[in-house]
């Protein structure tokens, strides 16, 4: 995505007056969720403001926490250190508890095929930081309970926005002991939406139509 595209997206979001993820009228975050769901073929998407947050959300989704032992996929060293900080131990044998895919601009064309080849019985963590709009991540899953638990880890996530105006808790059994500020910015979501969209090739300057 070039500077003109980025400026166009940022102008659209800023002039909408909706730049916070807790706004009821935000369209960028739901739009990115739908786009990733369609791209991956998964029914549910949980957005996060970093790969670290996405890994934490995936662990919450599968019910893994301090003292648990999981088989982890290949991860960058900082994310492996984060698992250790959480008190989640890892082992080498067995099927990974979740899949991990780091994505950047050069991976867009093949991303759908990469995701289609991954097992569907476990969540997928997408690291979207490679697009260089800031830290960003997502959890993809077909399991509604994984989605619900992962989403509840975010303060003012989808569930909180649904209940904050009524102060009535719809699913108290899903409320975590601690919630985190893992909300993705609509500005970053808007840029990711354009970056993940198929783009027609541009003609060189002076090339006749």
N, C-alpha and C. Protein backbone atom coordinates (compact mmCIF):
# COMPACT_ATOMS: atom_id res chain seq x y z
N UNK A 1 0.85 -1.18 0.00
CA UNK A 1 0.00 0.00 0.00
C UNK A 1 0.89 1.23 0.00
N UNK A 2 0.72 2.12 -1.01
CA UNK A 2 1.60 3.28 -1.11
C UNK A 2 1.08 4.43 -0.25
N UNK A 3 1.80 5.54 -0.28
CA UNK A 3 1.45 6.66 0.59
C UNK A 3 0.10 7.26 0.24
N UNK A 4 -0.24 7.28 -1.05
CA UNK A 4 -1.54 7.82 -1.44
C UNK A 4 -2.67 6.98 -0.86
N UNK A 5 -2.54 5.65 -0.96
CA UNK A 5 -3.57 4.76 -0.41
C UNK A 5 -3.69 4.94 1.09
N UNK A 6 -2.53 5.03 1.77
CA UNK A 6 -2.55 5.20 3.21
C UNK A 6 -3.23 6.50 3.60
N UNK A 7 -2.89 7.58 2.89
CA UNK A 7 -3.51 8.87 3.18
C UNK A 7 -5.02 8.83 2.94
N UNK A 8 -5.44 8.12 1.89
CA UNK A 8 -6.86 8.01 1.58
C UNK A 8 -7.60 7.29 2.70
N UNK A 9 -7.02 6.20 3.18
CA UNK A 9 -7.65 5.43 4.26
C UNK A 9 -7.72 6.25 5.55
N UNK A 10 -6.61 6.87 5.91
CA UNK A 10 -6.58 7.64 7.15
C UNK A 10 -7.56 8.81 7.09
N UNK A 11 -7.66 9.45 5.94
CA UNK A 11 -8.62 10.56 5.79
C UNK A 11 -10.04 10.06 5.96
N UNK A 12 -10.34 8.90 5.38
CA UNK A 12 -11.70 8.35 5.50
C UNK A 12 -12.06 8.09 6.95
N UNK A 13 -11.13 7.49 7.69
CA UNK A 13 -11.41 7.16 9.08
C UNK A 13 -11.50 8.41 9.93
N UNK A 14 -10.55 9.34 9.76
CA UNK A 14 -10.54 10.53 10.59
C UNK A 14 -11.76 11.41 10.35
N UNK A 15 -12.19 11.52 9.10
CA UNK A 15 -13.37 12.34 8.80
C UNK A 15 -14.66 11.66 9.23
N UNK A 16 -14.61 10.37 9.50
CA UNK A 16 -15.81 9.68 9.99
C UNK A 16 -16.12 10.06 11.43
N UNK A 17 -15.10 10.56 12.14
CA UNK A 17 -15.29 10.91 13.54
C UNK A 17 -15.22 9.72 14.47
N UNK A 18 -14.95 8.53 13.94
CA UNK A 18 -14.88 7.32 14.76
C UNK A 18 -13.45 6.80 14.71
N UNK A 19 -12.69 7.07 15.75
CA UNK A 19 -11.29 6.66 15.77
C UNK A 19 -10.97 5.78 16.97
N UNK A 20 -11.97 5.47 17.79
CA UNK A 20 -11.77 4.62 18.96
C UNK A 20 -12.53 3.32 18.79
N UNK A 21 -11.94 2.23 19.29
CA UNK A 21 -12.55 0.92 19.09
C UNK A 21 -13.77 0.69 19.96
N UNK A 22 -14.07 1.62 20.89
CA UNK A 22 -15.25 1.43 21.73
C UNK A 22 -16.46 2.17 21.16
N UNK A 23 -16.32 2.76 19.98
CA UNK A 23 -17.43 3.48 19.37
C UNK A 23 -18.42 2.48 18.77
N UNK A 24 -19.71 2.70 19.03
CA UNK A 24 -20.73 1.82 18.48
C UNK A 24 -20.77 1.86 16.96
N UNK A 25 -20.44 3.01 16.38
CA UNK A 25 -20.57 3.19 14.94
C UNK A 25 -19.33 2.81 14.15
N UNK A 26 -18.32 2.27 14.81
CA UNK A 26 -17.11 1.87 14.09
C UNK A 26 -17.42 0.80 13.06
N UNK A 27 -16.89 0.97 11.86
CA UNK A 27 -17.07 -0.01 10.78
C UNK A 27 -15.80 -0.73 10.40
N UNK A 28 -14.66 -0.18 10.82
CA UNK A 28 -13.39 -0.74 10.37
C UNK A 28 -13.08 -2.08 11.02
N UNK A 29 -13.28 -2.19 12.34
CA UNK A 29 -12.98 -3.44 13.03
C UNK A 29 -13.91 -4.57 12.57
N UNK A 30 -15.24 -4.36 12.52
CA UNK A 30 -16.11 -5.42 11.99
C UNK A 30 -15.78 -5.75 10.53
N UNK A 31 -15.38 -4.73 9.76
CA UNK A 31 -15.01 -4.97 8.37
C UNK A 31 -13.79 -5.85 8.24
N UNK A 32 -12.78 -5.62 9.08
CA UNK A 32 -11.58 -6.45 9.05
C UNK A 32 -11.89 -7.86 9.53
N UNK A 33 -12.75 -7.99 10.53
CA UNK A 33 -13.16 -9.32 10.99
C UNK A 33 -13.81 -10.11 9.86
N UNK A 34 -14.73 -9.47 9.14
CA UNK A 34 -15.41 -10.15 8.03
C UNK A 34 -14.41 -10.52 6.93
N UNK A 35 -13.49 -9.62 6.65
CA UNK A 35 -12.51 -9.87 5.60
C UNK A 35 -11.61 -11.05 5.94
N UNK A 36 -11.14 -11.11 7.18
CA UNK A 36 -10.29 -12.22 7.59
C UNK A 36 -11.06 -13.53 7.66
N UNK A 37 -12.32 -13.45 8.07
CA UNK A 37 -13.16 -14.67 8.10
C UNK A 37 -13.34 -15.22 6.69
N UNK A 38 -13.60 -14.34 5.74
CA UNK A 38 -13.78 -14.78 4.36
C UNK A 38 -12.47 -15.31 3.78
N UNK A 39 -11.38 -14.63 4.07
CA UNK A 39 -10.08 -15.03 3.54
C UNK A 39 -9.64 -16.39 4.09
N UNK A 40 -9.93 -16.62 5.36
CA UNK A 40 -9.46 -17.84 6.02
C UNK A 40 -10.46 -18.99 5.97
N UNK A 41 -11.73 -18.67 5.71
CA UNK A 41 -12.77 -19.69 5.76
C UNK A 41 -13.18 -20.05 7.16
N UNK A 42 -12.69 -19.30 8.17
CA UNK A 42 -13.09 -19.53 9.56
C UNK A 42 -14.32 -18.68 9.88
N UNK A 43 -15.10 -19.16 10.82
CA UNK A 43 -16.36 -18.48 11.11
C UNK A 43 -16.20 -17.32 12.07
N UNK A 44 -15.12 -17.28 12.86
CA UNK A 44 -14.97 -16.25 13.88
C UNK A 44 -13.56 -15.68 13.88
N UNK A 45 -13.48 -14.38 14.16
CA UNK A 45 -12.20 -13.67 14.21
C UNK A 45 -12.18 -12.79 15.45
N UNK A 46 -11.07 -12.86 16.18
CA UNK A 46 -10.84 -11.97 17.32
C UNK A 46 -9.63 -11.11 16.99
N UNK A 47 -9.82 -9.81 16.93
CA UNK A 47 -8.72 -8.90 16.61
C UNK A 47 -7.99 -8.50 17.88
N UNK A 48 -6.70 -8.20 17.73
CA UNK A 48 -5.88 -7.79 18.87
C UNK A 48 -4.85 -6.78 18.40
N UNK A 49 -4.31 -6.03 19.37
CA UNK A 49 -3.40 -4.95 19.00
C UNK A 49 -1.93 -5.35 18.98
N UNK A 50 -1.64 -6.64 18.96
CA UNK A 50 -0.28 -7.13 18.79
C UNK A 50 -0.32 -8.64 18.62
N UNK A 51 0.77 -9.20 18.15
CA UNK A 51 0.88 -10.66 18.08
C UNK A 51 0.88 -11.26 19.48
N UNK A 52 1.51 -10.56 20.42
CA UNK A 52 1.52 -11.03 21.81
C UNK A 52 0.10 -11.14 22.35
N UNK A 53 -0.71 -10.10 22.10
CA UNK A 53 -2.10 -10.11 22.55
C UNK A 53 -2.88 -11.23 21.87
N UNK A 54 -2.59 -11.47 20.60
CA UNK A 54 -3.30 -12.54 19.88
C UNK A 54 -2.94 -13.91 20.44
N UNK A 55 -1.67 -14.13 20.76
CA UNK A 55 -1.27 -15.40 21.37
C UNK A 55 -1.94 -15.57 22.73
N UNK A 56 -1.95 -14.50 23.53
CA UNK A 56 -2.61 -14.55 24.83
C UNK A 56 -4.10 -14.86 24.67
N UNK A 57 -4.73 -14.25 23.67
CA UNK A 57 -6.15 -14.48 23.42
C UNK A 57 -6.41 -15.92 22.99
N UNK A 58 -5.54 -16.45 22.16
CA UNK A 58 -5.69 -17.84 21.73
C UNK A 58 -5.58 -18.79 22.91
N UNK A 59 -4.62 -18.52 23.80
CA UNK A 59 -4.47 -19.36 25.00
C UNK A 59 -5.73 -19.28 25.86
N UNK A 60 -6.25 -18.06 26.04
CA UNK A 60 -7.50 -17.92 26.80
C UNK A 60 -8.63 -18.67 26.12
N UNK A 61 -8.63 -18.63 24.80
CA UNK A 61 -9.68 -19.31 24.05
C UNK A 61 -9.70 -20.81 24.27
N UNK A 62 -8.52 -21.42 24.36
CA UNK A 62 -8.47 -22.87 24.56
C UNK A 62 -8.39 -23.24 26.04
N UNK A 63 -8.42 -22.23 26.89
CA UNK A 63 -8.44 -22.50 28.33
C UNK A 63 -7.08 -22.82 28.92
N UNK A 64 -6.00 -22.37 28.28
CA UNK A 64 -4.65 -22.63 28.78
C UNK A 64 -4.15 -21.43 29.56
N UNK A 65 -3.52 -21.68 30.70
CA UNK A 65 -3.00 -20.60 31.52
C UNK A 65 -1.86 -21.07 32.39
N UNK A 66 -1.56 -20.31 33.41
CA UNK A 66 -0.42 -20.59 34.29
C UNK A 66 -0.46 -22.02 34.81
N UNK A 67 0.67 -22.70 34.66
CA UNK A 67 0.80 -24.07 35.14
C UNK A 67 0.47 -25.13 34.11
N UNK A 68 -0.12 -24.69 32.99
CA UNK A 68 -0.46 -25.65 31.94
C UNK A 68 0.75 -25.91 31.03
N UNK A 69 0.72 -27.06 30.38
CA UNK A 69 1.76 -27.44 29.43
C UNK A 69 1.12 -27.63 28.07
N UNK A 70 1.65 -26.96 27.05
CA UNK A 70 1.11 -27.07 25.70
C UNK A 70 2.24 -27.38 24.72
N UNK A 71 1.86 -27.90 23.59
CA UNK A 71 2.79 -27.98 22.46
C UNK A 71 2.61 -26.71 21.65
N UNK A 72 3.65 -25.92 21.54
CA UNK A 72 3.57 -24.64 20.84
C UNK A 72 4.08 -24.80 19.41
N UNK A 73 3.53 -24.03 18.47
CA UNK A 73 4.08 -24.02 17.12
C UNK A 73 5.41 -23.26 17.12
N UNK A 74 6.15 -23.28 16.03
CA UNK A 74 7.35 -22.45 15.95
C UNK A 74 6.99 -20.98 16.15
N UNK A 75 7.63 -20.34 17.11
CA UNK A 75 7.33 -18.95 17.45
C UNK A 75 8.61 -18.14 17.54
N UNK A 76 8.52 -16.82 17.28
CA UNK A 76 9.69 -15.96 17.53
C UNK A 76 10.09 -16.02 19.00
N UNK A 77 11.32 -15.72 19.27
CA UNK A 77 11.84 -15.85 20.62
C UNK A 77 11.07 -14.99 21.62
N UNK A 78 10.64 -13.78 21.20
CA UNK A 78 9.94 -12.92 22.15
C UNK A 78 8.59 -13.51 22.56
N UNK A 79 7.92 -14.22 21.63
CA UNK A 79 6.65 -14.83 21.98
C UNK A 79 6.84 -16.08 22.84
N UNK A 80 7.92 -16.80 22.63
CA UNK A 80 8.22 -17.94 23.51
C UNK A 80 8.52 -17.44 24.92
N UNK A 81 9.21 -16.30 25.00
CA UNK A 81 9.49 -15.72 26.31
C UNK A 81 8.20 -15.26 26.97
N UNK A 82 7.25 -14.78 26.17
CA UNK A 82 5.97 -14.35 26.72
C UNK A 82 5.21 -15.54 27.30
N UNK A 83 5.23 -16.68 26.61
CA UNK A 83 4.59 -17.87 27.16
C UNK A 83 5.19 -18.24 28.52
N UNK A 84 6.52 -18.15 28.60
CA UNK A 84 7.18 -18.47 29.88
C UNK A 84 6.77 -17.49 30.96
N UNK A 85 6.64 -16.20 30.58
CA UNK A 85 6.22 -15.18 31.55
C UNK A 85 4.81 -15.45 32.06
N UNK A 86 3.96 -15.96 31.17
CA UNK A 86 2.59 -16.30 31.57
C UNK A 86 2.55 -17.54 32.46
N UNK A 87 3.65 -18.27 32.50
CA UNK A 87 3.66 -19.50 33.28
C UNK A 87 3.15 -20.69 32.51
N UNK A 88 3.08 -20.56 31.17
CA UNK A 88 2.66 -21.67 30.31
C UNK A 88 3.91 -22.37 29.79
N UNK A 89 4.09 -23.61 30.16
CA UNK A 89 5.26 -24.37 29.73
C UNK A 89 5.00 -25.03 28.39
N UNK A 90 6.06 -25.22 27.63
CA UNK A 90 5.92 -25.81 26.29
C UNK A 90 6.70 -27.11 26.21
N UNK A 91 6.24 -27.97 25.32
CA UNK A 91 6.93 -29.23 25.04
C UNK A 91 7.05 -29.38 23.53
N UNK A 92 7.88 -30.28 23.12
CA UNK A 92 8.15 -30.45 21.69
C UNK A 92 7.21 -31.46 21.03
N UNK A 93 6.82 -32.49 21.79
CA UNK A 93 6.03 -33.56 21.18
C UNK A 93 4.54 -33.19 21.17
N UNK A 94 3.81 -33.81 20.23
CA UNK A 94 2.37 -33.60 20.16
C UNK A 94 1.99 -32.56 19.11
N UNK A 95 0.68 -32.43 18.89
CA UNK A 95 0.17 -31.45 17.94
C UNK A 95 0.12 -30.08 18.60
N UNK A 96 0.51 -29.03 17.88
CA UNK A 96 0.47 -27.68 18.46
C UNK A 96 -0.94 -27.30 18.91
N UNK A 97 -1.00 -26.55 20.01
CA UNK A 97 -2.29 -26.12 20.54
C UNK A 97 -2.94 -25.06 19.65
N UNK A 98 -2.13 -24.35 18.88
CA UNK A 98 -2.63 -23.37 17.92
C UNK A 98 -1.62 -23.24 16.79
N UNK A 99 -2.07 -22.70 15.69
CA UNK A 99 -1.16 -22.44 14.56
C UNK A 99 -0.74 -20.98 14.61
N UNK A 100 0.42 -20.68 14.02
CA UNK A 100 0.94 -19.31 14.02
C UNK A 100 1.43 -18.97 12.62
N UNK A 101 0.94 -17.82 12.11
CA UNK A 101 1.34 -17.37 10.78
C UNK A 101 1.67 -15.88 10.86
N UNK A 102 2.89 -15.51 10.45
CA UNK A 102 3.27 -14.09 10.36
C UNK A 102 3.06 -13.64 8.93
N UNK A 103 2.41 -12.50 8.76
CA UNK A 103 2.00 -12.04 7.42
C UNK A 103 2.52 -10.64 7.16
N UNK A 104 2.94 -10.41 5.92
CA UNK A 104 3.34 -9.08 5.47
C UNK A 104 2.86 -8.86 4.05
N UNK A 105 3.20 -7.74 3.45
CA UNK A 105 2.71 -7.41 2.10
C UNK A 105 3.03 -8.47 1.06
N UNK A 106 4.17 -9.13 1.16
CA UNK A 106 4.56 -10.12 0.16
C UNK A 106 3.79 -11.44 0.29
N UNK A 107 3.03 -11.58 1.37
CA UNK A 107 2.33 -12.84 1.62
C UNK A 107 0.85 -12.81 1.27
N UNK A 108 0.35 -11.66 0.86
CA UNK A 108 -1.10 -11.50 0.66
C UNK A 108 -1.64 -12.46 -0.40
N UNK A 109 -0.93 -12.59 -1.52
CA UNK A 109 -1.44 -13.40 -2.63
C UNK A 109 -1.59 -14.87 -2.24
N UNK A 110 -0.73 -15.36 -1.36
CA UNK A 110 -0.75 -16.79 -1.00
C UNK A 110 -1.41 -17.06 0.35
N UNK A 111 -1.89 -16.01 1.01
CA UNK A 111 -2.37 -16.17 2.38
C UNK A 111 -3.57 -17.11 2.48
N UNK A 112 -4.51 -17.00 1.58
CA UNK A 112 -5.70 -17.85 1.63
C UNK A 112 -5.31 -19.32 1.52
N UNK A 113 -4.36 -19.65 0.65
CA UNK A 113 -3.92 -21.04 0.49
C UNK A 113 -3.18 -21.52 1.75
N UNK A 114 -2.37 -20.65 2.32
CA UNK A 114 -1.64 -21.01 3.54
C UNK A 114 -2.62 -21.33 4.67
N UNK A 115 -3.63 -20.48 4.84
CA UNK A 115 -4.61 -20.69 5.90
C UNK A 115 -5.47 -21.92 5.64
N UNK A 116 -5.79 -22.17 4.38
CA UNK A 116 -6.62 -23.33 4.05
C UNK A 116 -5.91 -24.64 4.37
N UNK A 117 -4.59 -24.63 4.34
CA UNK A 117 -3.83 -25.85 4.59
C UNK A 117 -3.65 -26.15 6.08
N UNK A 118 -4.02 -25.22 6.94
CA UNK A 118 -3.83 -25.42 8.39
C UNK A 118 -4.98 -26.22 8.98
N UNK A 119 -4.72 -26.98 10.04
CA UNK A 119 -5.79 -27.75 10.70
C UNK A 119 -6.90 -26.83 11.18
N UNK A 120 -8.12 -27.29 11.05
CA UNK A 120 -9.26 -26.46 11.44
C UNK A 120 -9.73 -26.73 12.88
N UNK A 121 -9.11 -27.69 13.54
CA UNK A 121 -9.55 -28.04 14.89
C UNK A 121 -8.81 -27.27 15.98
N UNK A 122 -8.07 -26.24 15.60
CA UNK A 122 -7.35 -25.42 16.57
C UNK A 122 -7.32 -23.98 16.06
N UNK A 123 -7.20 -23.01 16.96
CA UNK A 123 -7.17 -21.63 16.50
C UNK A 123 -5.89 -21.30 15.73
N UNK A 124 -5.99 -20.28 14.90
CA UNK A 124 -4.84 -19.76 14.15
C UNK A 124 -4.54 -18.36 14.65
N UNK A 125 -3.30 -18.12 15.02
CA UNK A 125 -2.86 -16.77 15.38
C UNK A 125 -2.17 -16.15 14.18
N UNK A 126 -2.70 -14.99 13.76
CA UNK A 126 -2.09 -14.22 12.67
C UNK A 126 -1.32 -13.06 13.25
N UNK A 127 -0.05 -12.93 12.88
CA UNK A 127 0.74 -11.76 13.24
C UNK A 127 0.71 -10.82 12.04
N UNK A 128 0.01 -9.69 12.17
CA UNK A 128 -0.17 -8.74 11.08
C UNK A 128 0.77 -7.55 11.19
N UNK A 129 1.73 -7.64 12.09
CA UNK A 129 2.65 -6.52 12.31
C UNK A 129 3.52 -6.26 11.10
N UNK A 130 3.73 -7.28 10.27
CA UNK A 130 4.59 -7.13 9.10
C UNK A 130 4.10 -6.13 8.08
N UNK A 131 2.84 -5.70 8.18
CA UNK A 131 2.33 -4.67 7.27
C UNK A 131 2.81 -3.28 7.67
N UNK A 132 3.38 -3.18 8.87
CA UNK A 132 4.08 -1.98 9.33
C UNK A 132 3.14 -0.80 9.56
N UNK A 133 1.92 -1.11 10.01
CA UNK A 133 1.01 -0.06 10.46
C UNK A 133 0.95 -0.01 11.98
N UNK A 134 1.83 -0.77 12.60
CA UNK A 134 1.82 -0.90 14.05
C UNK A 134 1.55 -2.34 14.42
N UNK A 135 1.80 -2.70 15.67
CA UNK A 135 1.53 -4.07 16.10
C UNK A 135 0.07 -4.43 15.89
N UNK A 136 -0.17 -5.63 15.40
CA UNK A 136 -1.54 -6.09 15.16
C UNK A 136 -1.55 -7.60 15.05
N UNK A 137 -2.64 -8.21 15.46
CA UNK A 137 -2.78 -9.65 15.36
C UNK A 137 -4.24 -10.05 15.34
N UNK A 138 -4.48 -11.32 15.12
CA UNK A 138 -5.85 -11.83 15.09
C UNK A 138 -5.84 -13.31 15.43
N UNK A 139 -6.95 -13.76 15.96
CA UNK A 139 -7.17 -15.19 16.22
C UNK A 139 -8.33 -15.64 15.33
N UNK A 140 -8.11 -16.70 14.56
CA UNK A 140 -9.13 -17.25 13.66
C UNK A 140 -9.57 -18.60 14.21
N UNK A 141 -10.87 -18.83 14.24
CA UNK A 141 -11.35 -20.10 14.78
C UNK A 141 -12.74 -20.42 14.25
N UNK A 142 -13.08 -21.70 14.27
CA UNK A 142 -14.44 -22.15 13.96
C UNK A 142 -15.22 -22.48 15.23
N UNK A 143 -14.56 -22.38 16.39
CA UNK A 143 -15.17 -22.75 17.66
C UNK A 143 -15.71 -21.50 18.35
N UNK A 144 -17.01 -21.42 18.52
CA UNK A 144 -17.63 -20.22 19.10
C UNK A 144 -17.20 -20.00 20.54
N UNK A 145 -16.91 -21.08 21.28
CA UNK A 145 -16.48 -20.92 22.66
C UNK A 145 -15.05 -20.39 22.74
N UNK A 146 -14.20 -20.83 21.82
CA UNK A 146 -12.85 -20.28 21.76
C UNK A 146 -12.93 -18.79 21.46
N UNK A 147 -13.76 -18.43 20.50
CA UNK A 147 -13.94 -17.02 20.15
C UNK A 147 -14.44 -16.21 21.34
N UNK A 148 -15.41 -16.74 22.05
CA UNK A 148 -16.00 -16.02 23.16
C UNK A 148 -14.98 -15.80 24.28
N UNK A 149 -14.24 -16.84 24.64
CA UNK A 149 -13.25 -16.70 25.72
C UNK A 149 -12.11 -15.77 25.31
N UNK A 150 -11.69 -15.86 24.05
CA UNK A 150 -10.61 -14.99 23.57
C UNK A 150 -11.06 -13.54 23.55
N UNK A 151 -12.29 -13.32 23.12
CA UNK A 151 -12.82 -11.95 23.05
C UNK A 151 -12.98 -11.34 24.43
N UNK A 152 -13.35 -12.14 25.41
CA UNK A 152 -13.57 -11.63 26.75
C UNK A 152 -12.27 -11.19 27.43
N UNK A 153 -11.13 -11.62 26.89
CA UNK A 153 -9.87 -11.18 27.47
C UNK A 153 -9.64 -9.68 27.25
N UNK A 154 -10.29 -9.11 26.22
CA UNK A 154 -10.15 -7.68 25.91
C UNK A 154 -11.11 -6.86 26.75
N UNK A 155 -10.60 -5.84 27.41
CA UNK A 155 -11.48 -4.90 28.07
C UNK A 155 -12.15 -4.03 27.00
N UNK A 156 -13.43 -3.85 27.11
CA UNK A 156 -14.22 -3.15 26.10
C UNK A 156 -14.15 -3.84 24.75
N UNK A 157 -14.07 -5.16 24.76
CA UNK A 157 -14.18 -5.92 23.52
C UNK A 157 -15.63 -6.06 23.12
N UNK A 158 -15.91 -6.97 22.21
CA UNK A 158 -17.26 -7.12 21.68
C UNK A 158 -18.29 -7.38 22.78
N UNK A 159 -17.96 -8.25 23.72
CA UNK A 159 -18.90 -8.58 24.78
C UNK A 159 -19.14 -7.40 25.71
N UNK A 160 -18.07 -6.68 26.07
CA UNK A 160 -18.22 -5.55 26.96
C UNK A 160 -19.04 -4.44 26.32
N UNK A 161 -18.84 -4.20 25.04
CA UNK A 161 -19.61 -3.16 24.35
C UNK A 161 -21.08 -3.52 24.29
N UNK A 162 -21.36 -4.81 24.31
CA UNK A 162 -22.75 -5.26 24.25
C UNK A 162 -23.47 -5.02 25.57
N UNK A 163 -22.70 -5.01 26.66
CA UNK A 163 -23.33 -4.95 27.98
C UNK A 163 -23.03 -3.68 28.75
N UNK A 164 -22.07 -2.86 28.29
CA UNK A 164 -21.65 -1.71 29.08
C UNK A 164 -22.76 -0.68 29.27
N UNK A 165 -23.70 -0.63 28.32
CA UNK A 165 -24.77 0.35 28.42
C UNK A 165 -25.90 -0.15 29.32
N UNK A 166 -26.02 -1.45 29.49
CA UNK A 166 -27.11 -2.00 30.28
C UNK A 166 -26.65 -2.47 31.66
N UNK A 167 -25.32 -2.69 31.80
CA UNK A 167 -24.76 -3.19 33.05
C UNK A 167 -25.32 -4.56 33.41
N UNK A 168 -25.74 -5.31 32.41
CA UNK A 168 -26.26 -6.66 32.62
C UNK A 168 -25.30 -7.64 31.96
N UNK A 169 -24.73 -8.55 32.73
CA UNK A 169 -23.77 -9.52 32.20
C UNK A 169 -24.51 -10.71 31.60
N UNK A 170 -24.30 -10.93 30.30
CA UNK A 170 -25.03 -11.99 29.61
C UNK A 170 -24.44 -13.38 29.85
N UNK A 171 -23.11 -13.47 30.00
CA UNK A 171 -22.46 -14.76 30.19
C UNK A 171 -21.41 -14.64 31.29
N UNK A 172 -21.83 -14.60 32.55
CA UNK A 172 -20.88 -14.38 33.64
C UNK A 172 -19.80 -15.45 33.75
N UNK A 173 -20.08 -16.65 33.25
CA UNK A 173 -19.08 -17.72 33.35
C UNK A 173 -17.87 -17.47 32.45
N UNK A 174 -17.99 -16.53 31.51
CA UNK A 174 -16.89 -16.23 30.61
C UNK A 174 -16.03 -15.07 31.07
N UNK A 175 -16.43 -14.39 32.13
CA UNK A 175 -15.69 -13.22 32.58
C UNK A 175 -14.35 -13.64 33.15
N UNK A 176 -13.22 -13.17 32.57
CA UNK A 176 -11.91 -13.56 33.10
C UNK A 176 -11.59 -12.80 34.37
N UNK A 177 -10.62 -13.29 35.12
CA UNK A 177 -10.23 -12.59 36.34
C UNK A 177 -9.63 -11.23 36.05
N UNK A 178 -8.91 -11.12 34.93
CA UNK A 178 -8.28 -9.86 34.52
C UNK A 178 -8.53 -9.67 33.03
N UNK A 179 -8.82 -8.43 32.65
CA UNK A 179 -8.93 -8.11 31.22
C UNK A 179 -7.80 -7.16 30.84
N UNK A 180 -7.49 -7.13 29.54
CA UNK A 180 -6.34 -6.36 29.07
C UNK A 180 -6.76 -5.41 27.95
N UNK A 181 -5.98 -4.35 27.81
CA UNK A 181 -6.25 -3.38 26.74
C UNK A 181 -5.67 -3.91 25.43
N UNK A 182 -6.34 -4.88 24.87
CA UNK A 182 -5.89 -5.53 23.65
C UNK A 182 -6.68 -5.07 22.42
N UNK A 183 -7.40 -3.98 22.53
CA UNK A 183 -8.24 -3.52 21.43
C UNK A 183 -7.39 -2.96 20.30
N UNK A 184 -7.72 -3.35 19.08
CA UNK A 184 -7.03 -2.84 17.90
C UNK A 184 -7.62 -1.49 17.51
N UNK A 185 -6.79 -0.59 17.04
CA UNK A 185 -7.25 0.73 16.60
C UNK A 185 -7.98 0.62 15.26
N UNK A 186 -9.11 1.34 15.11
CA UNK A 186 -9.78 1.38 13.81
C UNK A 186 -8.89 1.92 12.70
N UNK A 187 -7.96 2.81 13.03
CA UNK A 187 -7.03 3.33 12.01
C UNK A 187 -6.16 2.22 11.45
N UNK A 188 -5.62 1.40 12.35
CA UNK A 188 -4.79 0.27 11.90
C UNK A 188 -5.65 -0.73 11.14
N UNK A 189 -6.86 -0.99 11.64
CA UNK A 189 -7.76 -1.93 10.96
C UNK A 189 -8.07 -1.47 9.55
N UNK A 190 -8.29 -0.18 9.35
CA UNK A 190 -8.60 0.35 8.03
C UNK A 190 -7.44 0.14 7.06
N UNK A 191 -6.22 0.39 7.54
CA UNK A 191 -5.04 0.19 6.68
C UNK A 191 -4.85 -1.29 6.36
N UNK A 192 -5.09 -2.16 7.32
CA UNK A 192 -4.96 -3.59 7.08
C UNK A 192 -6.01 -4.07 6.08
N UNK A 193 -7.22 -3.53 6.17
CA UNK A 193 -8.28 -3.92 5.22
C UNK A 193 -7.84 -3.64 3.79
N UNK A 194 -7.28 -2.46 3.55
CA UNK A 194 -6.85 -2.13 2.20
C UNK A 194 -5.65 -2.98 1.79
N UNK A 195 -4.73 -3.22 2.72
CA UNK A 195 -3.54 -4.00 2.38
C UNK A 195 -3.87 -5.45 2.05
N UNK A 196 -4.92 -5.99 2.67
CA UNK A 196 -5.30 -7.38 2.44
C UNK A 196 -6.24 -7.55 1.25
N UNK A 197 -6.68 -6.44 0.66
CA UNK A 197 -7.61 -6.52 -0.47
C UNK A 197 -6.86 -6.75 -1.77
N UNK A 198 -7.43 -7.55 -2.68
CA UNK A 198 -6.81 -7.72 -3.99
C UNK A 198 -6.72 -6.39 -4.71
N UNK A 199 -5.60 -6.14 -5.33
CA UNK A 199 -5.39 -4.85 -6.00
C UNK A 199 -5.08 -5.10 -7.46
N UNK A 200 -5.76 -4.39 -8.40
CA UNK A 200 -5.40 -4.51 -9.81
C UNK A 200 -4.04 -3.89 -10.06
N UNK A 201 -3.32 -4.45 -10.99
CA UNK A 201 -2.00 -3.92 -11.32
C UNK A 201 -2.15 -2.52 -11.93
N UNK A 202 -1.27 -1.61 -11.53
CA UNK A 202 -1.31 -0.27 -12.07
C UNK A 202 -0.48 -0.19 -13.35
N UNK A 203 -1.00 0.56 -14.34
CA UNK A 203 -0.24 0.74 -15.58
C UNK A 203 0.92 1.71 -15.33
N UNK A 204 2.05 1.45 -15.98
CA UNK A 204 3.15 2.40 -15.87
C UNK A 204 2.74 3.74 -16.42
N UNK A 205 3.35 4.80 -15.90
CA UNK A 205 3.02 6.14 -16.39
C UNK A 205 3.27 6.24 -17.88
N UNK A 206 2.33 6.84 -18.60
CA UNK A 206 2.45 7.00 -20.04
C UNK A 206 1.98 5.82 -20.84
N UNK A 207 1.62 4.71 -20.18
CA UNK A 207 1.14 3.53 -20.89
C UNK A 207 -0.29 3.77 -21.32
N UNK A 208 -0.62 3.65 -22.61
CA UNK A 208 -1.99 3.91 -23.07
C UNK A 208 -2.97 2.91 -22.51
N UNK A 209 -4.18 3.34 -22.26
CA UNK A 209 -5.24 2.47 -21.73
C UNK A 209 -5.65 1.44 -22.77
